[in-house]
Amino acid sequence: MTTPATLPGSDGRPRCRWCTAAPNYEAYHDREWGFPVADDRRLFEKLCLEGFQSGLSWRTILDKRENFRRAFAGFDFHRVARFDERDVARLLQDAGIVRHRGKIEAVVNNAGRAVALQAECGTLAAYFWRFEADPAAAAPPQPVSVSPASIALSKDLKQRGWAFVGPTTAYAFMQAMGLVNDHAADCVTAAEVDRARRAFQRPT
């Protein structure tokens, strides 16, 4: 039997199956997931949070998102890039976030890489949107965890010195930030995301 791509949400309308797994998923799905983003701080935040999610559930990270924002200066990467070993030690004692040294150090490292990337490209958005999935291409089957575009993004970021940015992490980032519309075809939010993507002015 084929598993349906959607399930009824709290209002009875069909939504991507994954968003019925936790109470706070539905709002995240309806208001954020897949809508295009051009704000550099939000892009940096999401890539960092996807790195923290590695090996964990998104629910764990979403529940702690405000704590992460507090801990990492609102994901202002210019500020985070100045964090030192004392800050890492402080964060390792912060019960409000995921206390994983490698992931914490990756955020600090990646903040420095983000500052350099912004200087090179003008904005992080201009860089990331180069990797947008071709809207004319056939939609990937649900669910998938990587794509040719996410593999390319991961490879380029790693060459630039970023950490915890594997192809699966990159793909989850692309799904969430609107670089691909991965809502199921009959999901109530799919058409809304399509409209947002058509109206979105791609950063250059």
C-alpha atoms as a PDB file:
ATOM      1  CA  MET A   1       0.000   0.000   0.000  1.00  0.00           C
ATOM      2  CA  THR A   2       1.322   3.444  -0.935  1.00  0.00           C
ATOM      3  CA  THR A   3       1.774   5.828   1.988  1.00  0.00           C
ATOM      4  CA  PRO A   4      -0.193   9.036   1.347  1.00  0.00           C
ATOM      5  CA  ALA A   5       1.892  12.195   0.960  1.00  0.00           C
ATOM      6  CA  THR A   6      -0.636  14.248   2.944  1.00  0.00           C
ATOM      7  CA  LEU A   7      -2.802  13.889   6.032  1.00  0.00           C
ATOM      8  CA  PRO A   8      -5.593  16.139   7.319  1.00  0.00           C
ATOM      9  CA  GLY A   9      -4.388  18.986   9.514  1.00  0.00           C
ATOM     10  CA  SER A  10      -6.169  20.562  12.464  1.00  0.00           C
ATOM     11  CA  ASP A  11      -8.688  22.183  10.092  1.00  0.00           C
ATOM     12  CA  GLY A  12      -9.228  19.002   8.104  1.00  0.00           C
ATOM     13  CA  ARG A  13      -7.360  20.241   5.037  1.00  0.00           C
ATOM     14  CA  PRO A  14      -4.531  18.154   3.560  1.00  0.00           C
ATOM     15  CA  ARG A  15      -0.985  18.978   4.578  1.00  0.00           C
ATOM     16  CA  CYS A  16       2.392  17.351   4.064  1.00  0.00           C
ATOM     17  CA  ARG A  17       2.403  14.196   6.116  1.00  0.00           C
ATOM     18  CA  TRP A  18       5.404  15.165   8.249  1.00  0.00           C
ATOM     19  CA  CYS A  19       3.723  18.249   9.724  1.00  0.00           C
ATOM     20  CA  THR A  20       1.151  16.161  11.598  1.00  0.00           C
ATOM     21  CA  ALA A  21       3.878  14.547  13.721  1.00  0.00           C
ATOM     22  CA  ALA A  22       4.083  17.298  16.361  1.00  0.00           C
ATOM     23  CA  PRO A  23       1.774  20.115  17.516  1.00  0.00           C
ATOM     24  CA  ASN A  24       4.106  22.964  16.550  1.00  0.00           C
ATOM     25  CA  TYR A  25       4.932  21.528  13.129  1.00  0.00           C
ATOM     26  CA  GLU A  26       1.706  22.701  11.505  1.00  0.00           C
ATOM     27  CA  ALA A  27       2.299  26.417  12.121  1.00  0.00           C
ATOM     28  CA  TYR A  28       5.904  26.071  10.972  1.00  0.00           C
ATOM     29  CA  HIS A  29       4.735  24.221   7.857  1.00  0.00           C
ATOM     30  CA  ASP A  30       1.979  26.720   7.016  1.00  0.00           C
ATOM     31  CA  ARG A  31       3.880  29.946   7.679  1.00  0.00           C
ATOM     32  CA  GLU A  32       7.563  29.255   7.046  1.00  0.00           C
ATOM     33  CA  TRP A  33       8.543  25.999   5.354  1.00  0.00           C
ATOM     34  CA  GLY A  34       9.155  26.487   1.645  1.00  0.00           C
ATOM     35  CA  PHE A  35       8.467  30.221   1.483  1.00  0.00           C
ATOM     36  CA  PRO A  36      11.396  32.005  -0.207  1.00  0.00           C
ATOM     37  CA  VAL A  37      13.824  33.867   2.046  1.00  0.00           C
ATOM     38  CA  ALA A  38      16.363  36.525   1.091  1.00  0.00           C
ATOM     39  CA  ASP A  39      17.341  37.725   4.580  1.00  0.00           C
ATOM     40  CA  ASP A  40      20.970  36.855   5.285  1.00  0.00           C
ATOM     41  CA  ARG A  41      20.536  36.362   9.012  1.00  0.00           C
ATOM     42  CA  ARG A  42      17.598  33.994   8.539  1.00  0.00           C
ATOM     43  CA  LEU A  43      19.509  32.022   5.935  1.00  0.00           C
ATOM     44  CA  PHE A  44      22.505  31.696   8.223  1.00  0.00           C
ATOM     45  CA  GLU A  45      20.293  30.741  11.161  1.00  0.00           C
ATOM     46  CA  LYS A  46      18.534  28.024   9.232  1.00  0.00           C
ATOM     47  CA  LEU A  47      21.719  26.461   7.927  1.00  0.00           C
ATOM     48  CA  CYS A  48      23.115  26.415  11.472  1.00  0.00           C
ATOM     49  CA  LEU A  49      19.953  24.890  12.912  1.00  0.00           C
ATOM     50  CA  GLU A  50      19.903  22.218  10.229  1.00  0.00           C
ATOM     51  CA  GLY A  51      23.459  21.391  11.252  1.00  0.00           C
ATOM     52  CA  PHE A  52      22.328  21.061  14.867  1.00  0.00           C
ATOM     53  CA  GLN A  53      19.494  18.800  13.732  1.00  0.00           C
ATOM     54  CA  SER A  54      21.927  16.247  12.305  1.00  0.00           C
ATOM     55  CA  GLY A  55      21.164  12.979  14.093  1.00  0.00           C
ATOM     56  CA  LEU A  56      18.182  14.520  15.903  1.00  0.00           C
ATOM     57  CA  SER A  57      14.575  15.406  15.076  1.00  0.00           C
ATOM     58  CA  TRP A  58      13.529  18.826  13.807  1.00  0.00           C
ATOM     59  CA  ARG A  59      11.052  18.953  16.698  1.00  0.00           C
ATOM     60  CA  THR A  60      13.971  19.029  19.143  1.00  0.00           C
ATOM     61  CA  ILE A  61      15.504  21.996  17.334  1.00  0.00           C
ATOM     62  CA  LEU A  62      12.237  23.852  16.749  1.00  0.00           C
ATOM     63  CA  ASP A  63      11.343  23.574  20.445  1.00  0.00           C
ATOM     64  CA  LYS A  64      14.709  25.146  21.301  1.00  0.00           C
ATOM     65  CA  ARG A  65      14.857  27.702  18.487  1.00  0.00           C
ATOM     66  CA  GLU A  66      14.394  30.765  20.681  1.00  0.00           C
ATOM     67  CA  ASN A  67      17.102  29.465  23.002  1.00  0.00           C
ATOM     68  CA  PHE A  68      19.456  29.050  20.051  1.00  0.00           C
ATOM     69  CA  ARG A  69      18.717  32.596  18.942  1.00  0.00           C
ATOM     70  CA  ARG A  70      19.523  33.920  22.390  1.00  0.00           C
ATOM     71  CA  ALA A  71      22.675  31.833  22.673  1.00  0.00           C
ATOM     72  CA  PHE A  72      24.017  32.824  19.256  1.00  0.00           C
ATOM     73  CA  ALA A  73      23.307  36.571  19.295  1.00  0.00           C
ATOM     74  CA  GLY A  74      20.255  36.276  17.089  1.00  0.00           C
ATOM     75  CA  PHE A  75      22.465  34.526  14.520  1.00  0.00           C
ATOM     76  CA  ASP A  76      24.132  37.812  13.684  1.00  0.00           C
ATOM     77  CA  PHE A  77      27.083  36.125  12.018  1.00  0.00           C
ATOM     78  CA  HIS A  78      29.285  39.204  12.302  1.00  0.00           C
ATOM     79  CA  ARG A  79      28.960  38.925  16.084  1.00  0.00           C
ATOM     80  CA  VAL A  80      29.179  35.135  16.228  1.00  0.00           C
ATOM     81  CA  ALA A  81      32.375  35.231  14.163  1.00  0.00           C
ATOM     82  CA  ARG A  82      34.005  36.985  17.140  1.00  0.00           C
ATOM     83  CA  PHE A  83      33.071  34.227  19.599  1.00  0.00           C
ATOM     84  CA  ASP A  84      36.093  32.618  21.242  1.00  0.00           C
ATOM     85  CA  GLU A  85      36.802  29.539  23.345  1.00  0.00           C
ATOM     86  CA  ARG A  86      35.199  31.175  26.372  1.00  0.00           C
ATOM     87  CA  ASP A  87      31.967  31.532  24.423  1.00  0.00           C
ATOM     88  CA  VAL A  88      32.165  27.897  23.332  1.00  0.00           C
ATOM     89  CA  ALA A  89      32.653  26.868  26.964  1.00  0.00           C
ATOM     90  CA  ARG A  90      29.676  29.003  27.969  1.00  0.00           C
ATOM     91  CA  LEU A  91      27.482  27.448  25.295  1.00  0.00           C
ATOM     92  CA  LEU A  92      28.486  23.952  26.328  1.00  0.00           C
ATOM     93  CA  GLN A  93      26.896  24.737  29.712  1.00  0.00           C
ATOM     94  CA  ASP A  94      23.682  26.098  28.163  1.00  0.00           C
ATOM     95  CA  ALA A  95      20.936  23.538  28.800  1.00  0.00           C
ATOM     96  CA  GLY A  96      18.598  25.425  26.477  1.00  0.00           C
ATOM     97  CA  ILE A  97      20.441  24.335  23.333  1.00  0.00           C
ATOM     98  CA  VAL A  98      22.037  21.165  21.993  1.00  0.00           C
ATOM     99  CA  ARG A  99      25.360  20.964  23.820  1.00  0.00           C
ATOM    100  CA  HIS A 100      27.497  19.369  21.133  1.00  0.00           C
ATOM    101  CA  ARG A 101      30.994  20.847  20.908  1.00  0.00           C
ATOM    102  CA  GLY A 102      31.483  20.047  17.239  1.00  0.00           C
ATOM    103  CA  LYS A 103      28.200  21.674  16.235  1.00  0.00           C
ATOM    104  CA  ILE A 104      28.771  24.733  18.411  1.00  0.00           C
ATOM    105  CA  GLU A 105      32.258  25.201  17.008  1.00  0.00           C
ATOM    106  CA  ALA A 106      30.865  24.734  13.501  1.00  0.00           C
ATOM    107  CA  VAL A 107      28.494  27.686  14.003  1.00  0.00           C
ATOM    108  CA  VAL A 108      31.374  29.912  15.096  1.00  0.00           C
ATOM    109  CA  ASN A 109      33.510  28.730  12.199  1.00  0.00           C
ATOM    110  CA  ASN A 110      30.683  29.126   9.713  1.00  0.00           C
ATOM    111  CA  ALA A 111      29.982  32.638  10.949  1.00  0.00           C
ATOM    112  CA  GLY A 112      33.477  33.643   9.872  1.00  0.00           C
ATOM    113  CA  ARG A 113      32.950  31.936   6.545  1.00  0.00           C
ATOM    114  CA  ALA A 114      29.617  33.767   6.172  1.00  0.00           C
ATOM    115  CA  VAL A 115      31.275  37.145   6.732  1.00  0.00           C
ATOM    116  CA  ALA A 116      33.767  36.329   3.971  1.00  0.00           C
ATOM    117  CA  LEU A 117      31.039  35.050   1.663  1.00  0.00           C
ATOM    118  CA  GLN A 118      28.950  38.169   2.173  1.00  0.00           C
ATOM    119  CA  ALA A 119      31.966  40.329   1.333  1.00  0.00           C
ATOM    120  CA  GLU A 120      32.542  38.308  -1.836  1.00  0.00           C
ATOM    121  CA  CYS A 121      28.950  38.065  -3.087  1.00  0.00           C
ATOM    122  CA  GLY A 122      27.306  41.135  -1.573  1.00  0.00           C
ATOM    123  CA  THR A 123      24.770  39.049   0.320  1.00  0.00           C
ATOM    124  CA  LEU A 124      24.499  35.455   1.458  1.00  0.00           C
ATOM    125  CA  ALA A 125      21.175  35.359  -0.371  1.00  0.00           C
ATOM    126  CA  ALA A 126      22.833  36.122  -3.710  1.00  0.00           C
ATOM    127  CA  TYR A 127      25.129  33.157  -3.147  1.00  0.00           C
ATOM    128  CA  PHE A 128      22.561  30.639  -1.923  1.00  0.00           C
ATOM    129  CA  TRP A 129      19.984  31.428  -4.582  1.00  0.00           C
ATOM    130  CA  ARG A 130      22.473  30.443  -7.264  1.00  0.00           C
ATOM    131  CA  PHE A 131      21.667  26.892  -6.199  1.00  0.00           C
ATOM    132  CA  GLU A 132      17.906  27.170  -6.605  1.00  0.00           C
ATOM    133  CA  ALA A 133      16.336  24.023  -7.950  1.00  0.00           C
ATOM    134  CA  ASP A 134      15.231  24.427 -11.553  1.00  0.00           C
ATOM    135  CA  PRO A 135      11.487  25.203 -11.300  1.00  0.00           C
ATOM    136  CA  ALA A 136      10.984  23.680 -14.753  1.00  0.00           C
ATOM    137  CA  ALA A 137      12.421  20.354 -13.650  1.00  0.00           C
ATOM    138  CA  ALA A 138      10.184  17.552 -12.485  1.00  0.00           C
ATOM    139  CA  ALA A 139       9.474  17.646  -8.773  1.00  0.00           C
ATOM    140  CA  PRO A 140      11.461  15.071  -6.798  1.00  0.00           C
ATOM    141  CA  PRO A 141       9.551  12.133  -5.370  1.00  0.00           C
ATOM    142  CA  GLN A 142       8.465  12.498  -1.758  1.00  0.00           C
ATOM    143  CA  PRO A 143      10.342  12.052   0.400  1.00  0.00           C
ATOM    144  CA  VAL A 144      13.904  12.590  -0.742  1.00  0.00           C
ATOM    145  CA  SER A 145      16.817  13.740   1.380  1.00  0.00           C
ATOM    146  CA  VAL A 146      19.300  15.004  -1.227  1.00  0.00           C
ATOM    147  CA  SER A 147      19.260  16.479  -4.713  1.00  0.00           C
ATOM    148  CA  PRO A 148      21.881  17.374  -7.325  1.00  0.00           C
ATOM    149  CA  ALA A 149      21.566  21.021  -6.238  1.00  0.00           C
ATOM    150  CA  SER A 150      22.073  20.202  -2.554  1.00  0.00           C
ATOM    151  CA  ILE A 151      25.094  18.059  -3.385  1.00  0.00           C
ATOM    152  CA  ALA A 152      26.559  20.965  -5.353  1.00  0.00           C
ATOM    153  CA  LEU A 153      25.822  23.449  -2.551  1.00  0.00           C
ATOM    154  CA  SER A 154      27.331  21.159   0.084  1.00  0.00           C
ATOM    155  CA  LYS A 155      30.459  20.615  -1.967  1.00  0.00           C
ATOM    156  CA  ASP A 156      30.970  24.329  -2.578  1.00  0.00           C
ATOM    157  CA  LEU A 157      30.410  25.262   1.068  1.00  0.00           C
ATOM    158  CA  LYS A 158      32.863  22.612   2.246  1.00  0.00           C
ATOM    159  CA  GLN A 159      35.460  23.899  -0.204  1.00  0.00           C
ATOM    160  CA  ARG A 160      34.954  27.316   1.384  1.00  0.00           C
ATOM    161  CA  GLY A 161      35.637  25.890   4.844  1.00  0.00           C
ATOM    162  CA  TRP A 162      32.093  25.482   6.186  1.00  0.00           C
ATOM    163  CA  ALA A 163      31.346  22.581   8.560  1.00  0.00           C
ATOM    164  CA  PHE A 164      28.260  20.428   9.222  1.00  0.00           C
ATOM    165  CA  VAL A 165      26.896  21.216   5.759  1.00  0.00           C
ATOM    166  CA  GLY A 166      26.489  17.774   4.187  1.00  0.00           C
ATOM    167  CA  PRO A 167      24.137  17.213   1.213  1.00  0.00           C
ATOM    168  CA  THR A 168      21.234  16.165   3.449  1.00  0.00           C
ATOM    169  CA  THR A 169      21.632  19.248   5.640  1.00  0.00           C
ATOM    170  CA  ALA A 170      21.890  21.412   2.524  1.00  0.00           C
ATOM    171  CA  TYR A 171      18.736  19.894   1.068  1.00  0.00           C
ATOM    172  CA  ALA A 172      16.727  20.443   4.262  1.00  0.00           C
ATOM    173  CA  PHE A 173      17.947  24.054   4.213  1.00  0.00           C
ATOM    174  CA  MET A 174      16.862  24.463   0.580  1.00  0.00           C
ATOM    175  CA  GLN A 175      13.432  22.986   1.297  1.00  0.00           C
ATOM    176  CA  ALA A 176      12.852  25.293   4.252  1.00  0.00           C
ATOM    177  CA  MET A 177      14.151  28.499   2.652  1.00  0.00           C
ATOM    178  CA  GLY A 178      12.145  28.137  -0.541  1.00  0.00           C
ATOM    179  CA  LEU A 179      14.906  27.220  -2.966  1.00  0.00           C
ATOM    180  CA  VAL A 180      12.677  24.296  -3.856  1.00  0.00           C
ATOM    181  CA  ASN A 181       8.952  23.801  -3.302  1.00  0.00           C
ATOM    182  CA  ASP A 182       8.816  20.376  -1.731  1.00  0.00           C
ATOM    183  CA  HIS A 183       5.255  20.534  -0.490  1.00  0.00           C
ATOM    184  CA  ALA A 184       3.181  17.587  -1.655  1.00  0.00           C
ATOM    185  CA  ALA A 185       1.140  18.422  -4.750  1.00  0.00           C
ATOM    186  CA  ASP A 186      -2.183  18.251  -2.899  1.00  0.00           C
ATOM    187  CA  CYS A 187      -0.928  20.018   0.237  1.00  0.00           C
ATOM    188  CA  VAL A 188      -2.993  23.093   1.052  1.00  0.00           C
ATOM    189  CA  THR A 189       0.178  25.202   1.284  1.00  0.00           C
ATOM    190  CA  ALA A 190       1.763  24.074  -2.008  1.00  0.00           C
ATOM    191  CA  ALA A 191      -0.059  26.591  -4.228  1.00  0.00           C
ATOM    192  CA  GLU A 192       0.620  29.417  -1.773  1.00  0.00           C
ATOM    193  CA  VAL A 193       4.334  28.638  -1.835  1.00  0.00           C
ATOM    194  CA  ASP A 194       4.248  28.477  -5.632  1.00  0.00           C
ATOM    195  CA  ARG A 195       2.732  31.960  -5.743  1.00  0.00           C
ATOM    196  CA  ALA A 196       5.312  33.280  -3.291  1.00  0.00           C
ATOM    197  CA  ARG A 197       8.142  31.799  -5.329  1.00  0.00           C
ATOM    198  CA  ARG A 198       6.798  33.306  -8.559  1.00  0.00           C
ATOM    199  CA  ALA A 199       6.534  36.749  -6.943  1.00  0.00           C
ATOM    200  CA  PHE A 200       9.917  36.494  -5.238  1.00  0.00           C
ATOM    201  CA  GLN A 201      12.675  38.708  -6.631  1.00  0.00           C
ATOM    202  CA  ARG A 202      15.774  36.553  -6.815  1.00  0.00           C
ATOM    203  CA  PRO A 203      18.767  38.294  -5.225  1.00  0.00           C
ATOM    204  CA  THR A 204      21.727  38.980  -7.484  1.00  0.00           C
END
